Amino acid sequence: MSNPVKRQVSRLETVEPVGKRVLIRKDEDKKRTKGGIELPDSVEIPTITGRIVAVSAQVERDEDFPIQQYDKVLFNPKHAIPVDFESDNQLFVVPIEDVVAVFRKAK
């Protein structure tokens, strides 16, 4: 009698970007216009904003990039690499050069 082989599945707990990259959680695409019109599921207004989830050590040390975890940013998705980590999160590893703006609250 042979015992069935049990495969141990390791789960990723964190994703840490390396090099000059950041990890961004992309905001959901909008399904409603500012005027309140509901769009059908086949039509979406593309959104290229998101929140910084993690910053690589290289970017964190570089004073030229004033970006921190939880900042809301505008980014160019052309070089963004999707991370299949959690099905309900749209995570992307993005080169820091593709982060084009940081949203700040007025002081």
N, C-alpha and C. Protein backbone atom coordinates (compact mmCIF):
# COMPACT_ATOMS: atom_id res chain seq x y z
N MET A 1 0.83 -1.16 0.00
CA MET A 1 0.00 0.00 0.00
C MET A 1 0.89 1.24 0.00
N SER A 2 0.71 2.09 -0.99
CA SER A 2 1.54 3.29 -1.05
C SER A 2 0.78 4.49 -0.52
N ASN A 3 1.50 5.34 0.14
CA ASN A 3 0.90 6.57 0.65
C ASN A 3 0.88 7.61 -0.45
N PRO A 4 -0.21 8.35 -0.56
CA PRO A 4 -0.23 9.40 -1.56
C PRO A 4 0.79 10.48 -1.20
N VAL A 5 1.45 11.01 -2.20
CA VAL A 5 2.46 12.05 -1.99
C VAL A 5 1.74 13.36 -1.74
N LYS A 6 2.08 13.98 -0.64
CA LYS A 6 1.49 15.28 -0.32
C LYS A 6 2.44 16.36 -0.79
N ARG A 7 1.91 17.24 -1.60
CA ARG A 7 2.72 18.36 -2.08
C ARG A 7 2.49 19.54 -1.16
N GLN A 8 3.58 20.11 -0.72
CA GLN A 8 3.48 21.28 0.13
C GLN A 8 3.47 22.50 -0.77
N VAL A 9 2.43 23.29 -0.65
CA VAL A 9 2.28 24.48 -1.47
C VAL A 9 2.74 25.67 -0.64
N SER A 10 3.76 26.34 -1.12
CA SER A 10 4.22 27.52 -0.38
C SER A 10 3.47 28.74 -0.90
N ARG A 11 3.09 29.59 0.02
CA ARG A 11 2.36 30.78 -0.34
C ARG A 11 3.29 31.98 -0.25
N LEU A 12 3.20 32.84 -1.24
CA LEU A 12 3.94 34.09 -1.17
C LEU A 12 3.30 34.98 -0.12
N GLU A 13 4.10 35.59 0.70
CA GLU A 13 3.55 36.47 1.71
C GLU A 13 3.74 37.93 1.34
N THR A 14 4.83 38.24 0.65
CA THR A 14 5.08 39.61 0.22
C THR A 14 5.70 39.62 -1.17
N VAL A 15 5.59 40.73 -1.82
CA VAL A 15 6.26 40.94 -3.09
C VAL A 15 7.09 42.21 -2.90
N GLU A 16 8.40 42.10 -3.07
CA GLU A 16 9.28 43.24 -2.90
C GLU A 16 9.95 43.56 -4.23
N PRO A 17 9.70 44.75 -4.77
CA PRO A 17 10.35 45.11 -6.03
C PRO A 17 11.85 45.29 -5.82
N VAL A 18 12.62 45.02 -6.86
CA VAL A 18 14.07 45.21 -6.81
C VAL A 18 14.47 46.17 -7.92
N GLY A 19 15.66 46.72 -7.81
CA GLY A 19 16.11 47.70 -8.78
C GLY A 19 15.35 49.00 -8.60
N LYS A 20 15.23 49.75 -9.64
CA LYS A 20 14.50 51.03 -9.58
C LYS A 20 13.04 50.80 -9.96
N ARG A 21 12.32 50.08 -9.06
CA ARG A 21 10.93 49.73 -9.32
C ARG A 21 10.09 49.91 -8.06
N VAL A 22 8.80 50.04 -8.28
CA VAL A 22 7.83 50.11 -7.18
C VAL A 22 6.71 49.12 -7.49
N LEU A 23 6.00 48.72 -6.44
CA LEU A 23 4.84 47.84 -6.59
C LEU A 23 3.61 48.71 -6.39
N ILE A 24 2.71 48.70 -7.37
CA ILE A 24 1.52 49.56 -7.35
C ILE A 24 0.27 48.71 -7.41
N ARG A 25 -0.71 49.05 -6.58
CA ARG A 25 -2.05 48.46 -6.66
C ARG A 25 -2.86 49.41 -7.52
N LYS A 26 -3.21 48.96 -8.71
CA LYS A 26 -3.94 49.81 -9.66
C LYS A 26 -5.35 50.05 -9.17
N ASP A 27 -5.80 51.30 -9.29
CA ASP A 27 -7.19 51.62 -8.98
C ASP A 27 -8.10 50.90 -9.96
N GLU A 28 -9.31 50.61 -9.52
CA GLU A 28 -10.27 49.94 -10.40
C GLU A 28 -10.67 50.86 -11.55
N ASP A 29 -10.89 50.26 -12.71
CA ASP A 29 -11.38 51.03 -13.85
C ASP A 29 -12.78 51.51 -13.52
N LYS A 30 -13.07 52.71 -13.97
CA LYS A 30 -14.36 53.31 -13.64
C LYS A 30 -15.48 52.72 -14.49
N LYS A 31 -16.61 52.49 -13.86
CA LYS A 31 -17.79 51.95 -14.55
C LYS A 31 -18.91 52.99 -14.59
N ARG A 32 -18.62 54.17 -14.08
CA ARG A 32 -19.61 55.24 -14.05
C ARG A 32 -18.91 56.56 -14.38
N THR A 33 -19.54 57.37 -15.21
CA THR A 33 -18.96 58.67 -15.56
C THR A 33 -19.19 59.65 -14.41
N LYS A 34 -18.50 60.79 -14.45
CA LYS A 34 -18.69 61.81 -13.41
C LYS A 34 -20.13 62.30 -13.36
N GLY A 35 -20.80 62.28 -14.49
CA GLY A 35 -22.20 62.70 -14.55
C GLY A 35 -23.17 61.67 -14.00
N GLY A 36 -22.67 60.47 -13.63
CA GLY A 36 -23.52 59.45 -13.03
C GLY A 36 -24.05 58.42 -14.00
N ILE A 37 -23.60 58.44 -15.24
CA ILE A 37 -24.07 57.48 -16.23
C ILE A 37 -23.35 56.15 -16.02
N GLU A 38 -24.13 55.08 -15.86
CA GLU A 38 -23.56 53.73 -15.71
C GLU A 38 -23.12 53.22 -17.08
N LEU A 39 -21.89 52.69 -17.14
CA LEU A 39 -21.38 52.14 -18.39
C LEU A 39 -21.60 50.64 -18.42
N PRO A 40 -21.86 50.07 -19.61
CA PRO A 40 -21.99 48.62 -19.70
C PRO A 40 -20.66 47.95 -19.36
N ASP A 41 -20.71 46.68 -18.98
CA ASP A 41 -19.50 45.96 -18.59
C ASP A 41 -18.45 45.94 -19.69
N SER A 42 -18.86 46.00 -20.94
CA SER A 42 -17.91 45.94 -22.05
C SER A 42 -17.17 47.26 -22.26
N VAL A 43 -17.61 48.34 -21.61
CA VAL A 43 -16.98 49.65 -21.76
C VAL A 43 -16.44 50.10 -20.41
N GLU A 44 -15.18 50.48 -20.38
CA GLU A 44 -14.58 50.98 -19.16
C GLU A 44 -13.75 52.21 -19.49
N ILE A 45 -13.66 53.12 -18.54
CA ILE A 45 -12.77 54.27 -18.68
C ILE A 45 -11.43 53.84 -18.09
N PRO A 46 -10.38 53.75 -18.90
CA PRO A 46 -9.11 53.26 -18.37
C PRO A 46 -8.56 54.18 -17.29
N THR A 47 -8.02 53.59 -16.25
CA THR A 47 -7.44 54.33 -15.15
C THR A 47 -5.99 53.93 -15.00
N ILE A 48 -5.12 54.89 -14.90
CA ILE A 48 -3.71 54.57 -14.69
C ILE A 48 -3.22 55.22 -13.39
N THR A 49 -4.08 55.17 -12.39
CA THR A 49 -3.69 55.62 -11.07
C THR A 49 -3.69 54.42 -10.14
N GLY A 50 -2.97 54.57 -9.05
CA GLY A 50 -2.92 53.49 -8.08
C GLY A 50 -2.21 53.94 -6.83
N ARG A 51 -2.07 53.01 -5.90
CA ARG A 51 -1.39 53.26 -4.62
C ARG A 51 -0.09 52.47 -4.58
N ILE A 52 0.94 53.10 -4.05
CA ILE A 52 2.22 52.41 -3.87
C ILE A 52 2.06 51.40 -2.74
N VAL A 53 2.35 50.15 -3.03
CA VAL A 53 2.27 49.08 -2.04
C VAL A 53 3.66 48.85 -1.43
N ALA A 54 4.69 48.89 -2.27
CA ALA A 54 6.06 48.68 -1.80
C ALA A 54 7.02 49.44 -2.69
N VAL A 55 8.11 49.86 -2.09
CA VAL A 55 9.16 50.61 -2.79
C VAL A 55 10.45 49.83 -2.64
N SER A 56 11.20 49.67 -3.73
CA SER A 56 12.46 48.94 -3.63
C SER A 56 13.45 49.74 -2.77
N ALA A 57 14.42 49.05 -2.21
CA ALA A 57 15.43 49.70 -1.37
C ALA A 57 16.21 50.74 -2.16
N GLN A 58 16.46 50.48 -3.42
CA GLN A 58 17.21 51.42 -4.26
C GLN A 58 16.44 52.72 -4.45
N VAL A 59 15.14 52.65 -4.68
CA VAL A 59 14.31 53.85 -4.84
C VAL A 59 14.17 54.57 -3.51
N GLU A 60 14.03 53.81 -2.44
CA GLU A 60 13.85 54.40 -1.11
C GLU A 60 15.05 55.26 -0.70
N ARG A 61 16.24 54.85 -1.11
CA ARG A 61 17.46 55.60 -0.77
C ARG A 61 17.72 56.77 -1.69
N ASP A 62 17.07 56.82 -2.84
CA ASP A 62 17.34 57.84 -3.85
C ASP A 62 16.48 59.08 -3.59
N GLU A 63 17.10 60.20 -3.27
CA GLU A 63 16.38 61.44 -2.96
C GLU A 63 15.68 62.04 -4.18
N ASP A 64 16.05 61.59 -5.38
CA ASP A 64 15.39 62.09 -6.60
C ASP A 64 13.97 61.57 -6.76
N PHE A 65 13.60 60.55 -5.97
CA PHE A 65 12.28 59.96 -6.07
C PHE A 65 11.56 60.08 -4.73
N PRO A 66 10.78 61.16 -4.53
CA PRO A 66 10.09 61.37 -3.25
C PRO A 66 8.79 60.56 -3.17
N ILE A 67 8.93 59.24 -3.23
CA ILE A 67 7.77 58.36 -3.23
C ILE A 67 7.83 57.47 -2.00
N GLN A 68 6.68 57.30 -1.36
CA GLN A 68 6.59 56.46 -0.17
C GLN A 68 5.45 55.47 -0.33
N GLN A 69 5.46 54.47 0.53
CA GLN A 69 4.36 53.51 0.55
C GLN A 69 3.06 54.26 0.82
N TYR A 70 1.99 53.85 0.18
CA TYR A 70 0.62 54.38 0.27
C TYR A 70 0.39 55.67 -0.52
N ASP A 71 1.42 56.22 -1.18
CA ASP A 71 1.20 57.40 -2.03
C ASP A 71 0.29 57.02 -3.19
N LYS A 72 -0.59 57.95 -3.57
CA LYS A 72 -1.39 57.76 -4.78
C LYS A 72 -0.59 58.34 -5.94
N VAL A 73 -0.46 57.57 -7.02
CA VAL A 73 0.38 57.98 -8.14
C VAL A 73 -0.34 57.81 -9.47
N LEU A 74 0.17 58.53 -10.44
CA LEU A 74 -0.24 58.39 -11.84
C LEU A 74 0.93 57.70 -12.53
N PHE A 75 0.66 56.62 -13.26
CA PHE A 75 1.76 55.90 -13.90
C PHE A 75 1.44 55.51 -15.32
N ASN A 76 2.51 55.36 -16.11
CA ASN A 76 2.41 54.90 -17.49
C ASN A 76 2.42 53.37 -17.45
N PRO A 77 1.35 52.72 -17.89
CA PRO A 77 1.26 51.26 -17.78
C PRO A 77 2.04 50.48 -18.85
N LYS A 78 2.70 51.19 -19.76
CA LYS A 78 3.36 50.52 -20.88
C LYS A 78 4.37 49.45 -20.44
N HIS A 79 5.18 49.74 -19.42
CA HIS A 79 6.20 48.80 -18.97
C HIS A 79 5.83 48.11 -17.66
N ALA A 80 4.59 48.28 -17.22
CA ALA A 80 4.14 47.68 -15.97
C ALA A 80 4.04 46.15 -16.12
N ILE A 81 4.54 45.43 -15.14
CA ILE A 81 4.51 43.97 -15.17
C ILE A 81 3.45 43.50 -14.18
N PRO A 82 2.39 42.84 -14.65
CA PRO A 82 1.35 42.38 -13.72
C PRO A 82 1.87 41.28 -12.80
N VAL A 83 1.40 41.31 -11.55
CA VAL A 83 1.78 40.32 -10.56
C VAL A 83 0.53 39.52 -10.22
N ASP A 84 0.55 38.22 -10.48
CA ASP A 84 -0.57 37.36 -10.18
C ASP A 84 -0.42 36.87 -8.75
N PHE A 85 -0.80 37.72 -7.80
CA PHE A 85 -0.57 37.46 -6.39
C PHE A 85 -1.88 37.16 -5.68
N GLU A 86 -2.84 38.04 -5.83
CA GLU A 86 -4.17 37.87 -5.26
C GLU A 86 -5.17 38.22 -6.34
N SER A 87 -6.19 37.42 -6.49
CA SER A 87 -7.13 37.63 -7.60
C SER A 87 -7.92 38.93 -7.46
N ASP A 88 -8.10 39.43 -6.24
CA ASP A 88 -8.89 40.64 -6.07
C ASP A 88 -8.05 41.91 -6.11
N ASN A 89 -6.74 41.80 -6.27
CA ASN A 89 -5.86 42.96 -6.36
C ASN A 89 -5.20 43.01 -7.72
N GLN A 90 -5.14 44.19 -8.30
CA GLN A 90 -4.41 44.37 -9.54
C GLN A 90 -3.08 44.99 -9.18
N LEU A 91 -2.06 44.14 -9.00
CA LEU A 91 -0.73 44.60 -8.63
C LEU A 91 0.18 44.62 -9.83
N PHE A 92 1.02 45.65 -9.90
CA PHE A 92 1.97 45.80 -10.99
C PHE A 92 3.32 46.24 -10.46
N VAL A 93 4.39 45.64 -10.98
CA VAL A 93 5.74 46.12 -10.73
C VAL A 93 6.01 47.13 -11.84
N VAL A 94 6.35 48.36 -11.44
CA VAL A 94 6.48 49.46 -12.39
C VAL A 94 7.86 50.11 -12.24
N PRO A 95 8.58 50.31 -13.35
CA PRO A 95 9.84 51.06 -13.27
C PRO A 95 9.56 52.47 -12.73
N ILE A 96 10.44 52.95 -11.87
CA ILE A 96 10.22 54.25 -11.24
C ILE A 96 10.11 55.37 -12.29
N GLU A 97 10.75 55.20 -13.42
CA GLU A 97 10.67 56.22 -14.48
C GLU A 97 9.27 56.33 -15.06
N ASP A 98 8.44 55.29 -14.89
CA ASP A 98 7.08 55.31 -15.41
C ASP A 98 6.07 55.88 -14.42
N VAL A 99 6.52 56.23 -13.22
CA VAL A 99 5.66 56.95 -12.28
C VAL A 99 5.81 58.43 -12.64
N VAL A 100 4.73 59.02 -13.15
CA VAL A 100 4.84 60.37 -13.70
C VAL A 100 4.32 61.46 -12.77
N ALA A 101 3.57 61.11 -11.73
CA ALA A 101 3.06 62.11 -10.79
C ALA A 101 2.67 61.45 -9.48
N VAL A 102 2.78 62.24 -8.42
CA VAL A 102 2.35 61.81 -7.09
C VAL A 102 1.27 62.79 -6.64
N PHE A 103 0.16 62.28 -6.17
CA PHE A 103 -0.92 63.14 -5.67
C PHE A 103 -0.63 63.48 -4.21
N ARG A 104 -0.63 64.77 -3.89
CA ARG A 104 -0.38 65.23 -2.52
C ARG A 104 -1.55 66.09 -2.06
N LYS A 105 -1.83 66.05 -0.78
CA LYS A 105 -2.85 66.93 -0.21
C LYS A 105 -2.25 68.32 -0.03
N ALA A 106 -3.07 69.33 -0.29
CA ALA A 106 -2.62 70.71 -0.10
C ALA A 106 -2.41 70.96 1.39
N LYS A 107 -1.37 71.71 1.71
CA LYS A 107 -1.07 71.99 3.12
C LYS A 107 -1.66 73.31 3.55
